[in-house]
Amino acid sequence: MDAVETVLAWSIPGGTLSVVGVAVYELLRQRRRKRKGTPLATTTVNEITAMFYGSKRMELEHRDSVAVMREEEAQGAPPRRVDLDRGVVVLRPDPGPGTPASGG
């Protein structure tokens, strides 16, 4: 076996071991710093998977687009008032089927 065959034979196991090593390092670092965000090893595995599966690429793009969308406070939720200083939440009950809804 010459040098090129050896490099090609060890490229997949070496790459796998390096990703596992980076993942272990990031887990140890993340526990100490309480850091948020996507770890490098996770991003690497996601991108490698996306090379072989088109549906994974679409999932990653959808996840990115959802992450940058603005969230509204009352996005589909019933109207409510929250007073964090007093620790009070005011909920208004839904009107019954025969009760006219108030506009206020």
PDB file of N, CA and C in Angstrom:
ATOM      1  N   MET A   1       0.847  -1.177   0.000  1.00  0.00           N
ATOM      2  CA  MET A   1       0.000   0.000   0.000  1.00  0.00           C
ATOM      3  C   MET A   1       0.893   1.241   0.000  1.00  0.00           C
ATOM      4  N   ASP A   2       0.638   2.114  -0.933  1.00  0.00           N
ATOM      5  CA  ASP A   2       1.446   3.339  -0.973  1.00  0.00           C
ATOM      6  C   ASP A   2       0.798   4.429  -0.121  1.00  0.00           C
ATOM      7  N   ALA A   3       1.388   5.595  -0.106  1.00  0.00           N
ATOM      8  CA  ALA A   3       0.955   6.680   0.771  1.00  0.00           C
ATOM      9  C   ALA A   3      -0.442   7.181   0.431  1.00  0.00           C
ATOM     10  N   VAL A   4      -0.782   7.256  -0.842  1.00  0.00           N
ATOM     11  CA  VAL A   4      -2.100   7.763  -1.255  1.00  0.00           C
ATOM     12  C   VAL A   4      -3.195   6.806  -0.787  1.00  0.00           C
ATOM     13  N   GLU A   5      -2.963   5.502  -0.955  1.00  0.00           N
ATOM     14  CA  GLU A   5      -3.959   4.532  -0.506  1.00  0.00           C
ATOM     15  C   GLU A   5      -4.136   4.576   1.010  1.00  0.00           C
ATOM     16  N   THR A   6      -3.042   4.780   1.729  1.00  0.00           N
ATOM     17  CA  THR A   6      -3.116   4.859   3.178  1.00  0.00           C
ATOM     18  C   THR A   6      -3.921   6.079   3.619  1.00  0.00           C
ATOM     19  N   VAL A   7      -3.671   7.212   3.001  1.00  0.00           N
ATOM     20  CA  VAL A   7      -4.413   8.436   3.337  1.00  0.00           C
ATOM     21  C   VAL A   7      -5.893   8.262   3.032  1.00  0.00           C
ATOM     22  N   LEU A   8      -6.210   7.689   1.876  1.00  0.00           N
ATOM     23  CA  LEU A   8      -7.614   7.476   1.524  1.00  0.00           C
ATOM     24  C   LEU A   8      -8.274   6.456   2.446  1.00  0.00           C
ATOM     25  N   ALA A   9      -7.534   5.431   2.852  1.00  0.00           N
ATOM     26  CA  ALA A   9      -8.096   4.407   3.729  1.00  0.00           C
ATOM     27  C   ALA A   9      -8.391   4.959   5.119  1.00  0.00           C
ATOM     28  N   TRP A  10      -7.599   5.903   5.589  1.00  0.00           N
ATOM     29  CA  TRP A  10      -7.779   6.460   6.929  1.00  0.00           C
ATOM     30  C   TRP A  10      -8.541   7.776   6.950  1.00  0.00           C
ATOM     31  N   SER A  11      -9.001   8.265   5.815  1.00  0.00           N
ATOM     32  CA  SER A  11      -9.676   9.563   5.800  1.00  0.00           C
ATOM     33  C   SER A  11     -11.032   9.523   6.519  1.00  0.00           C
ATOM     34  N   ILE A  12     -11.832   8.493   6.275  1.00  0.00           N
ATOM     35  CA  ILE A  12     -13.148   8.422   6.928  1.00  0.00           C
ATOM     36  C   ILE A  12     -13.014   8.133   8.423  1.00  0.00           C
ATOM     37  N   PRO A  13     -12.240   7.116   8.848  1.00  0.00           N
ATOM     38  CA  PRO A  13     -12.092   6.924  10.301  1.00  0.00           C
ATOM     39  C   PRO A  13     -11.418   8.109  10.992  1.00  0.00           C
ATOM     40  N   GLY A  14     -10.452   8.722  10.337  1.00  0.00           N
ATOM     41  CA  GLY A  14      -9.782   9.884  10.930  1.00  0.00           C
ATOM     42  C   GLY A  14     -10.714  11.063  11.060  1.00  0.00           C
ATOM     43  N   GLY A  15     -11.533  11.301  10.037  1.00  0.00           N
ATOM     44  CA  GLY A  15     -12.511  12.384  10.109  1.00  0.00           C
ATOM     45  C   GLY A  15     -13.544  12.153  11.186  1.00  0.00           C
ATOM     46  N   THR A  16     -13.981  10.901  11.319  1.00  0.00           N
ATOM     47  CA  THR A  16     -14.955  10.557  12.352  1.00  0.00           C
ATOM     48  C   THR A  16     -14.365  10.768  13.743  1.00  0.00           C
ATOM     49  N   LEU A  17     -13.153  10.310  13.940  1.00  0.00           N
ATOM     50  CA  LEU A  17     -12.501  10.485  15.241  1.00  0.00           C
ATOM     51  C   LEU A  17     -12.266  11.961  15.553  1.00  0.00           C
ATOM     52  N   SER A  18     -11.949  12.758  14.539  1.00  0.00           N
ATOM     53  CA  SER A  18     -11.746  14.187  14.791  1.00  0.00           C
ATOM     54  C   SER A  18     -13.049  14.886  15.167  1.00  0.00           C
ATOM     55  N   VAL A  19     -14.167  14.511  14.532  1.00  0.00           N
ATOM     56  CA  VAL A  19     -15.461  15.105  14.892  1.00  0.00           C
ATOM     57  C   VAL A  19     -15.844  14.708  16.315  1.00  0.00           C
ATOM     58  N   VAL A  20     -15.606  13.455  16.689  1.00  0.00           N
ATOM     59  CA  VAL A  20     -15.900  13.014  18.056  1.00  0.00           C
ATOM     60  C   VAL A  20     -15.017  13.761  19.050  1.00  0.00           C
ATOM     61  N   GLY A  21     -13.750  13.957  18.711  1.00  0.00           N
ATOM     62  CA  GLY A  21     -12.849  14.701  19.588  1.00  0.00           C
ATOM     63  C   GLY A  21     -13.295  16.138  19.783  1.00  0.00           C
ATOM     64  N   VAL A  22     -13.709  16.785  18.704  1.00  0.00           N
ATOM     65  CA  VAL A  22     -14.193  18.163  18.800  1.00  0.00           C
ATOM     66  C   VAL A  22     -15.474  18.216  19.634  1.00  0.00           C
ATOM     67  N   ALA A  23     -16.351  17.216  19.468  1.00  0.00           N
ATOM     68  CA  ALA A  23     -17.597  17.188  20.231  1.00  0.00           C
ATOM     69  C   ALA A  23     -17.318  17.048  21.728  1.00  0.00           C
ATOM     70  N   VAL A  24     -16.378  16.192  22.099  1.00  0.00           N
ATOM     71  CA  VAL A  24     -16.039  16.021  23.511  1.00  0.00           C
ATOM     72  C   VAL A  24     -15.449  17.315  24.069  1.00  0.00           C
ATOM     73  N   TYR A  25     -14.563  17.939  23.319  1.00  0.00           N
ATOM     74  CA  TYR A  25     -13.975  19.208  23.755  1.00  0.00           C
ATOM     75  C   TYR A  25     -15.048  20.274  23.962  1.00  0.00           C
ATOM     76  N   GLU A  26     -15.995  20.358  23.024  1.00  0.00           N
ATOM     77  CA  GLU A  26     -17.053  21.364  23.139  1.00  0.00           C
ATOM     78  C   GLU A  26     -17.971  21.090  24.323  1.00  0.00           C
ATOM     79  N   LEU A  27     -18.258  19.815  24.599  1.00  0.00           N
ATOM     80  CA  LEU A  27     -19.091  19.497  25.759  1.00  0.00           C
ATOM     81  C   LEU A  27     -18.410  19.911  27.054  1.00  0.00           C
ATOM     82  N   LEU A  28     -17.124  19.647  27.158  1.00  0.00           N
ATOM     83  CA  LEU A  28     -16.401  20.049  28.363  1.00  0.00           C
ATOM     84  C   LEU A  28     -16.356  21.572  28.495  1.00  0.00           C
ATOM     85  N   ARG A  29     -16.133  22.252  27.391  1.00  0.00           N
ATOM     86  CA  ARG A  29     -16.073  23.714  27.409  1.00  0.00           C
ATOM     87  C   ARG A  29     -17.443  24.323  27.696  1.00  0.00           C
ATOM     88  N   GLN A  30     -18.488  23.713  27.153  1.00  0.00           N
ATOM     89  CA  GLN A  30     -19.845  24.242  27.323  1.00  0.00           C
ATOM     90  C   GLN A  30     -20.302  24.104  28.776  1.00  0.00           C
ATOM     91  N   ARG A  31     -19.892  23.062  29.460  1.00  0.00           N
ATOM     92  CA  ARG A  31     -20.284  22.886  30.862  1.00  0.00           C
ATOM     93  C   ARG A  31     -19.674  23.959  31.746  1.00  0.00           C
ATOM     94  N   ARG A  32     -18.475  24.369  31.421  1.00  0.00           N
ATOM     95  CA  ARG A  32     -17.805  25.377  32.243  1.00  0.00           C
ATOM     96  C   ARG A  32     -18.351  26.773  31.998  1.00  0.00           C
ATOM     97  N   ARG A  33     -18.635  27.104  30.762  1.00  0.00           N
ATOM     98  CA  ARG A  33     -19.008  28.485  30.418  1.00  0.00           C
ATOM     99  C   ARG A  33     -20.501  28.711  30.275  1.00  0.00           C
ATOM    100  N   LYS A  34     -21.281  27.671  30.234  1.00  0.00           N
ATOM    101  CA  LYS A  34     -22.735  27.798  30.015  1.00  0.00           C
ATOM    102  C   LYS A  34     -23.008  28.561  28.719  1.00  0.00           C
ATOM    103  N   ARG A  35     -22.306  28.192  27.703  1.00  0.00           N
ATOM    104  CA  ARG A  35     -22.393  28.885  26.425  1.00  0.00           C
ATOM    105  C   ARG A  35     -23.580  28.401  25.612  1.00  0.00           C
ATOM    106  N   LYS A  36     -24.221  29.301  24.889  1.00  0.00           N
ATOM    107  CA  LYS A  36     -25.354  28.945  24.039  1.00  0.00           C
ATOM    108  C   LYS A  36     -24.904  28.926  22.589  1.00  0.00           C
ATOM    109  N   GLY A  37     -25.719  28.312  21.761  1.00  0.00           N
ATOM    110  CA  GLY A  37     -25.416  28.252  20.343  1.00  0.00           C
ATOM    111  C   GLY A  37     -25.207  26.817  19.893  1.00  0.00           C
ATOM    112  N   THR A  38     -25.093  26.642  18.588  1.00  0.00           N
ATOM    113  CA  THR A  38     -24.903  25.321  18.018  1.00  0.00           C
ATOM    114  C   THR A  38     -23.430  24.952  18.051  1.00  0.00           C
ATOM    115  N   PRO A  39     -23.098  23.805  18.634  1.00  0.00           N
ATOM    116  CA  PRO A  39     -21.700  23.389  18.663  1.00  0.00           C
ATOM    117  C   PRO A  39     -21.161  23.080  17.262  1.00  0.00           C
ATOM    118  N   LEU A  40     -19.858  23.201  17.098  1.00  0.00           N
ATOM    119  CA  LEU A  40     -19.211  22.976  15.814  1.00  0.00           C
ATOM    120  C   LEU A  40     -19.397  21.549  15.334  1.00  0.00           C
ATOM    121  N   ALA A  41     -19.316  20.580  16.237  1.00  0.00           N
ATOM    122  CA  ALA A  41     -19.476  19.184  15.840  1.00  0.00           C
ATOM    123  C   ALA A  41     -20.878  18.923  15.296  1.00  0.00           C
ATOM    124  N   THR A  42     -21.882  19.530  15.900  1.00  0.00           N
ATOM    125  CA  THR A  42     -23.257  19.362  15.420  1.00  0.00           C
ATOM    126  C   THR A  42     -23.421  19.972  14.036  1.00  0.00           C
ATOM    127  N   THR A  43     -22.841  21.136  13.831  1.00  0.00           N
ATOM    128  CA  THR A  43     -22.906  21.773  12.521  1.00  0.00           C
ATOM    129  C   THR A  43     -22.203  20.924  11.475  1.00  0.00           C
ATOM    130  N   THR A  44     -21.059  20.348  11.829  1.00  0.00           N
ATOM    131  CA  THR A  44     -20.321  19.505  10.888  1.00  0.00           C
ATOM    132  C   THR A  44     -21.126  18.282  10.499  1.00  0.00           C
ATOM    133  N   VAL A  45     -21.710  17.598  11.471  1.00  0.00           N
ATOM    134  CA  VAL A  45     -22.510  16.406  11.181  1.00  0.00           C
ATOM    135  C   VAL A  45     -23.731  16.778  10.339  1.00  0.00           C
ATOM    136  N   ASN A  46     -24.379  17.899  10.655  1.00  0.00           N
ATOM    137  CA  ASN A  46     -25.541  18.335   9.866  1.00  0.00           C
ATOM    138  C   ASN A  46     -25.160  18.617   8.419  1.00  0.00           C
ATOM    139  N   GLU A  47     -24.028  19.271   8.199  1.00  0.00           N
ATOM    140  CA  GLU A  47     -23.618  19.598   6.834  1.00  0.00           C
ATOM    141  C   GLU A  47     -23.206  18.355   6.057  1.00  0.00           C
ATOM    142  N   ILE A  48     -22.554  17.402   6.713  1.00  0.00           N
ATOM    143  CA  ILE A  48     -22.192  16.150   6.036  1.00  0.00           C
ATOM    144  C   ILE A  48     -23.448  15.378   5.668  1.00  0.00           C
ATOM    145  N   THR A  49     -24.420  15.347   6.567  1.00  0.00           N
ATOM    146  CA  THR A  49     -25.688  14.671   6.276  1.00  0.00           C
ATOM    147  C   THR A  49     -26.427  15.372   5.146  1.00  0.00           C
ATOM    148  N   ALA A  50     -26.362  16.690   5.113  1.00  0.00           N
ATOM    149  CA  ALA A  50     -27.056  17.445   4.069  1.00  0.00           C
ATOM    150  C   ALA A  50     -26.447  17.201   2.684  1.00  0.00           C
ATOM    151  N   MET A  51     -25.170  16.803   2.630  1.00  0.00           N
ATOM    152  CA  MET A  51     -24.559  16.477   1.328  1.00  0.00           C
ATOM    153  C   MET A  51     -25.227  15.259   0.697  1.00  0.00           C
ATOM    154  N   PHE A  52     -25.660  14.316   1.527  1.00  0.00           N
ATOM    155  CA  PHE A  52     -26.209  13.069   1.016  1.00  0.00           C
ATOM    156  C   PHE A  52     -27.725  13.037   0.979  1.00  0.00           C
ATOM    157  N   TYR A  53     -28.390  13.858   1.792  1.00  0.00           N
ATOM    158  CA  TYR A  53     -29.849  13.869   1.843  1.00  0.00           C
ATOM    159  C   TYR A  53     -30.355  15.291   1.609  1.00  0.00           C
ATOM    160  N   GLY A  54     -31.099  15.462   0.519  1.00  0.00           N
ATOM    161  CA  GLY A  54     -31.643  16.776   0.189  1.00  0.00           C
ATOM    162  C   GLY A  54     -32.650  17.259   1.206  1.00  0.00           C
ATOM    163  N   SER A  55     -33.367  16.323   1.839  1.00  0.00           N
ATOM    164  CA  SER A  55     -34.366  16.729   2.832  1.00  0.00           C
ATOM    165  C   SER A  55     -33.698  17.348   4.054  1.00  0.00           C
ATOM    166  N   LYS A  56     -32.491  16.923   4.382  1.00  0.00           N
ATOM    167  CA  LYS A  56     -31.769  17.520   5.513  1.00  0.00           C
ATOM    168  C   LYS A  56     -31.391  18.960   5.192  1.00  0.00           C
ATOM    169  N   ARG A  57     -31.014  19.229   3.936  1.00  0.00           N
ATOM    170  CA  ARG A  57     -30.684  20.603   3.523  1.00  0.00           C
ATOM    171  C   ARG A  57     -31.913  21.489   3.676  1.00  0.00           C
ATOM    172  N   MET A  58     -33.082  20.981   3.254  1.00  0.00           N
ATOM    173  CA  MET A  58     -34.307  21.771   3.388  1.00  0.00           C
ATOM    174  C   MET A  58     -34.640  22.003   4.864  1.00  0.00           C
ATOM    175  N   GLU A  59     -34.422  21.005   5.706  1.00  0.00           N
ATOM    176  CA  GLU A  59     -34.671  21.163   7.141  1.00  0.00           C
ATOM    177  C   GLU A  59     -33.760  22.220   7.760  1.00  0.00           C
ATOM    178  N   LEU A  60     -32.485  22.219   7.377  1.00  0.00           N
ATOM    179  CA  LEU A  60     -31.549  23.204   7.917  1.00  0.00           C
ATOM    180  C   LEU A  60     -31.903  24.617   7.462  1.00  0.00           C
ATOM    181  N   GLU A  61     -32.301  24.765   6.197  1.00  0.00           N
ATOM    182  CA  GLU A  61     -32.700  26.084   5.701  1.00  0.00           C
ATOM    183  C   GLU A  61     -33.971  26.564   6.384  1.00  0.00           C
ATOM    184  N   HIS A  62     -34.918  25.653   6.618  1.00  0.00           N
ATOM    185  CA  HIS A  62     -36.147  26.033   7.317  1.00  0.00           C
ATOM    186  C   HIS A  62     -35.837  26.449   8.756  1.00  0.00           C
ATOM    187  N   ARG A  63     -34.966  25.718   9.414  1.00  0.00           N
ATOM    188  CA  ARG A  63     -34.580  26.043  10.783  1.00  0.00           C
ATOM    189  C   ARG A  63     -33.929  27.419  10.853  1.00  0.00           C
ATOM    190  N   ASP A  64     -33.091  27.742   9.862  1.00  0.00           N
ATOM    191  CA  ASP A  64     -32.457  29.059   9.830  1.00  0.00           C
ATOM    192  C   ASP A  64     -33.480  30.165   9.618  1.00  0.00           C
ATOM    193  N   SER A  65     -34.450  29.931   8.718  1.00  0.00           N
ATOM    194  CA  SER A  65     -35.438  30.977   8.445  1.00  0.00           C
ATOM    195  C   SER A  65     -36.364  31.186   9.638  1.00  0.00           C
ATOM    196  N   VAL A  66     -36.701  30.125  10.359  1.00  0.00           N
ATOM    197  CA  VAL A  66     -37.552  30.261  11.546  1.00  0.00           C
ATOM    198  C   VAL A  66     -36.799  30.989  12.653  1.00  0.00           C
ATOM    199  N   ALA A  67     -35.483  30.781  12.743  1.00  0.00           N
ATOM    200  CA  ALA A  67     -34.696  31.403  13.803  1.00  0.00           C
ATOM    201  C   ALA A  67     -34.644  32.918  13.662  1.00  0.00           C
ATOM    202  N   VAL A  68     -34.746  33.443  12.446  1.00  0.00           N
ATOM    203  CA  VAL A  68     -34.657  34.891  12.263  1.00  0.00           C
ATOM    204  C   VAL A  68     -36.021  35.573  12.220  1.00  0.00           C
ATOM    205  N   MET A  69     -37.109  34.793  12.271  1.00  0.00           N
ATOM    206  CA  MET A  69     -38.443  35.393  12.249  1.00  0.00           C
ATOM    207  C   MET A  69     -38.760  36.016  13.596  1.00  0.00           C
ATOM    208  N   ARG A  70     -39.479  37.131  13.554  1.00  0.00           N
ATOM    209  CA  ARG A  70     -39.869  37.829  14.769  1.00  0.00           C
ATOM    210  C   ARG A  70     -41.060  37.120  15.396  1.00  0.00           C
ATOM    211  N   GLU A  71     -41.026  36.983  16.710  1.00  0.00           N
ATOM    212  CA  GLU A  71     -42.142  36.385  17.416  1.00  0.00           C
ATOM    213  C   GLU A  71     -42.999  37.479  18.023  1.00  0.00           C
ATOM    214  N   GLU A  72     -44.276  37.442  17.720  1.00  0.00           N
ATOM    215  CA  GLU A  72     -45.221  38.401  18.272  1.00  0.00           C
ATOM    216  C   GLU A  72     -45.635  37.934  19.661  1.00  0.00           C
ATOM    217  N   GLU A  73     -45.953  38.884  20.544  1.00  0.00           N
ATOM    218  CA  GLU A  73     -46.350  38.516  21.907  1.00  0.00           C
ATOM    219  C   GLU A  73     -47.658  37.738  21.896  1.00  0.00           C
ATOM    220  N   ALA A  74     -48.621  38.175  21.123  1.00  0.00           N
ATOM    221  CA  ALA A  74     -49.936  37.539  21.101  1.00  0.00           C
ATOM    222  C   ALA A  74     -50.094  36.690  19.845  1.00  0.00           C
ATOM    223  N   GLN A  75     -49.110  35.935  19.494  1.00  0.00           N
ATOM    224  CA  GLN A  75     -49.136  35.151  18.266  1.00  0.00           C
ATOM    225  C   GLN A  75     -50.044  33.929  18.444  1.00  0.00           C
ATOM    226  N   GLY A  76     -51.324  34.122  18.204  1.00  0.00           N
ATOM    227  CA  GLY A  76     -52.284  33.044  18.317  1.00  0.00           C
ATOM    228  C   GLY A  76     -52.728  32.750  19.743  1.00  0.00           C
ATOM    229  N   ALA A  77     -52.248  33.487  20.703  1.00  0.00           N
ATOM    230  CA  ALA A  77     -52.603  33.243  22.092  1.00  0.00           C
ATOM    231  C   ALA A  77     -53.785  34.131  22.478  1.00  0.00           C
ATOM    232  N   PRO A  78     -54.565  33.717  23.478  1.00  0.00           N
ATOM    233  CA  PRO A  78     -55.671  34.574  23.918  1.00  0.00           C
ATOM    234  C   PRO A  78     -55.127  35.842  24.564  1.00  0.00           C
ATOM    235  N   PRO A  79     -55.910  36.933  24.530  1.00  0.00           N
ATOM    236  CA  PRO A  79     -55.432  38.177  25.138  1.00  0.00           C
ATOM    237  C   PRO A  79     -55.303  38.024  26.652  1.00  0.00           C
ATOM    238  N   ARG A  80     -54.221  38.516  27.181  1.00  0.00           N
ATOM    239  CA  ARG A  80     -53.998  38.438  28.626  1.00  0.00           C
ATOM    240  C   ARG A  80     -53.098  39.583  29.053  1.00  0.00           C
ATOM    241  N   ARG A  81     -53.189  39.901  30.310  1.00  0.00           N
ATOM    242  CA  ARG A  81     -52.304  40.903  30.878  1.00  0.00           C
ATOM    243  C   ARG A  81     -51.429  40.227  31.928  1.00  0.00           C
ATOM    244  N   VAL A  82     -50.130  40.466  31.859  1.00  0.00           N
ATOM    245  CA  VAL A  82     -49.184  39.873  32.801  1.00  0.00           C
ATOM    246  C   VAL A  82     -48.490  41.002  33.540  1.00  0.00           C
ATOM    247  N   ASP A  83     -48.587  40.971  34.862  1.00  0.00           N
ATOM    248  CA  ASP A  83     -47.899  41.938  35.706  1.00  0.00           C
ATOM    249  C   ASP A  83     -46.843  41.177  36.503  1.00  0.00           C
ATOM    250  N   LEU A  84     -45.589  41.274  36.050  1.00  0.00           N
ATOM    251  CA  LEU A  84     -44.523  40.520  36.686  1.00  0.00           C
ATOM    252  C   LEU A  84     -44.161  41.068  38.057  1.00  0.00           C
ATOM    253  N   ASP A  85     -44.361  42.362  38.271  1.00  0.00           N
ATOM    254  CA  ASP A  85     -44.032  42.952  39.573  1.00  0.00           C
ATOM    255  C   ASP A  85     -44.921  42.397  40.685  1.00  0.00           C
ATOM    256  N   ARG A  86     -46.212  42.285  40.401  1.00  0.00           N
ATOM    257  CA  ARG A  86     -47.138  41.768  41.407  1.00  0.00           C
ATOM    258  C   ARG A  86     -47.314  40.257  41.318  1.00  0.00           C
ATOM    259  N   GLY A  87     -46.881  39.655  40.216  1.00  0.00           N
ATOM    260  CA  GLY A  87     -47.057  38.218  40.023  1.00  0.00           C
ATOM    261  C   GLY A  87     -48.486  37.852  39.697  1.00  0.00           C
ATOM    262  N   VAL A  88     -49.149  38.697  38.881  1.00  0.00           N
ATOM    263  CA  VAL A  88     -50.557  38.492  38.556  1.00  0.00           C
ATOM    264  C   VAL A  88     -50.718  38.348  37.051  1.00  0.00           C
ATOM    265  N   VAL A  89     -51.523  37.359  36.651  1.00  0.00           N
ATOM    266  CA  VAL A  89     -51.884  37.181  35.249  1.00  0.00           C
ATOM    267  C   VAL A  89     -53.392  37.257  35.155  1.00  0.00           C
ATOM    268  N   VAL A  90     -53.920  38.104  34.267  1.00  0.00           N
ATOM    269  CA  VAL A  90     -55.355  38.263  34.094  1.00  0.00           C
ATOM    270  C   VAL A  90     -55.748  37.576  32.799  1.00  0.00           C
ATOM    271  N   LEU A  91     -56.616  36.561  32.907  1.00  0.00           N
ATOM    272  CA  LEU A  91     -57.129  35.835  31.744  1.00  0.00           C
ATOM    273  C   LEU A  91     -58.614  36.094  31.629  1.00  0.00           C
ATOM    274  N   ARG A  92     -59.066  36.347  30.421  1.00  0.00           N
ATOM    275  CA  ARG A  92     -60.490  36.531  30.188  1.00  0.00           C
ATOM    276  C   ARG A  92     -61.043  35.242  29.598  1.00  0.00           C
ATOM    277  N   PRO A  93     -62.134  34.733  30.143  1.00  0.00           N
ATOM    278  CA  PRO A  93     -62.700  33.481  29.618  1.00  0.00           C
ATOM    279  C   PRO A  93     -63.269  33.694  28.217  1.00  0.00           C
ATOM    280  N   ASP A  94     -63.221  32.634  27.430  1.00  0.00           N
ATOM    281  CA  ASP A  94     -63.805  32.687  26.088  1.00  0.00           C
ATOM    282  C   ASP A  94     -65.321  32.763  26.214  1.00  0.00           C
ATOM    283  N   PRO A  95     -65.969  33.560  25.354  1.00  0.00           N
ATOM    284  CA  PRO A  95     -67.436  33.612  25.402  1.00  0.00           C
ATOM    285  C   PRO A  95     -68.014  32.282  24.925  1.00  0.00           C
ATOM    286  N   GLY A  96     -69.146  31.935  25.485  1.00  0.00           N
ATOM    287  CA  GLY A  96     -69.816  30.689  25.114  1.00  0.00           C
ATOM    288  C   GLY A  96     -70.335  30.752  23.677  1.00  0.00           C
ATOM    289  N   PRO A  97     -70.898  29.649  23.164  1.00  0.00           N
ATOM    290  CA  PRO A  97     -71.350  29.628  21.776  1.00  0.00           C
ATOM    291  C   PRO A  97     -72.510  30.581  21.498  1.00  0.00           C
ATOM    292  N   GLY A  98     -73.343  30.878  22.484  1.00  0.00           N
ATOM    293  CA  GLY A  98     -74.476  31.768  22.258  1.00  0.00           C
ATOM    294  C   GLY A  98     -74.247  33.176  22.739  1.00  0.00           C
ATOM    295  N   THR A  99     -73.074  33.461  23.315  1.00  0.00           N
ATOM    296  CA  THR A  99     -72.784  34.766  23.894  1.00  0.00           C
ATOM    297  C   THR A  99     -72.085  35.644  22.872  1.00  0.00           C
ATOM    298  N   PRO A 100     -72.560  36.893  22.665  1.00  0.00           N
ATOM    299  CA  PRO A 100     -71.869  37.757  21.718  1.00  0.00           C
ATOM    300  C   PRO A 100     -70.504  38.159  22.273  1.00  0.00           C
ATOM    301  N   ALA A 101     -69.505  38.183  21.401  1.00  0.00           N
ATOM    302  CA  ALA A 101     -68.144  38.546  21.822  1.00  0.00           C
ATOM    303  C   ALA A 101     -68.049  40.055  21.946  1.00  0.00           C
ATOM    304  N   SER A 102     -67.364  40.517  23.008  1.00  0.00           N
ATOM    305  CA  SER A 102     -67.190  41.952  23.195  1.00  0.00           C
ATOM    306  C   SER A 102     -65.965  42.383  22.406  1.00  0.00           C
ATOM    307  N   GLY A 103     -65.979  43.593  21.920  1.00  0.00           N
ATOM    308  CA  GLY A 103     -64.892  44.085  21.100  1.00  0.00           C
ATOM    309  C   GLY A 103     -63.813  44.788  21.887  1.00  0.00           C
ATOM    310  N   GLY A 104     -63.799  44.743  23.218  1.00  0.00           N
ATOM    311  CA  GLY A 104     -62.902  45.549  23.998  1.00  0.00           C
ATOM    312  C   GLY A 104     -61.769  44.861  24.547  1.00  0.00           C
TER     313      GLY A 104
END
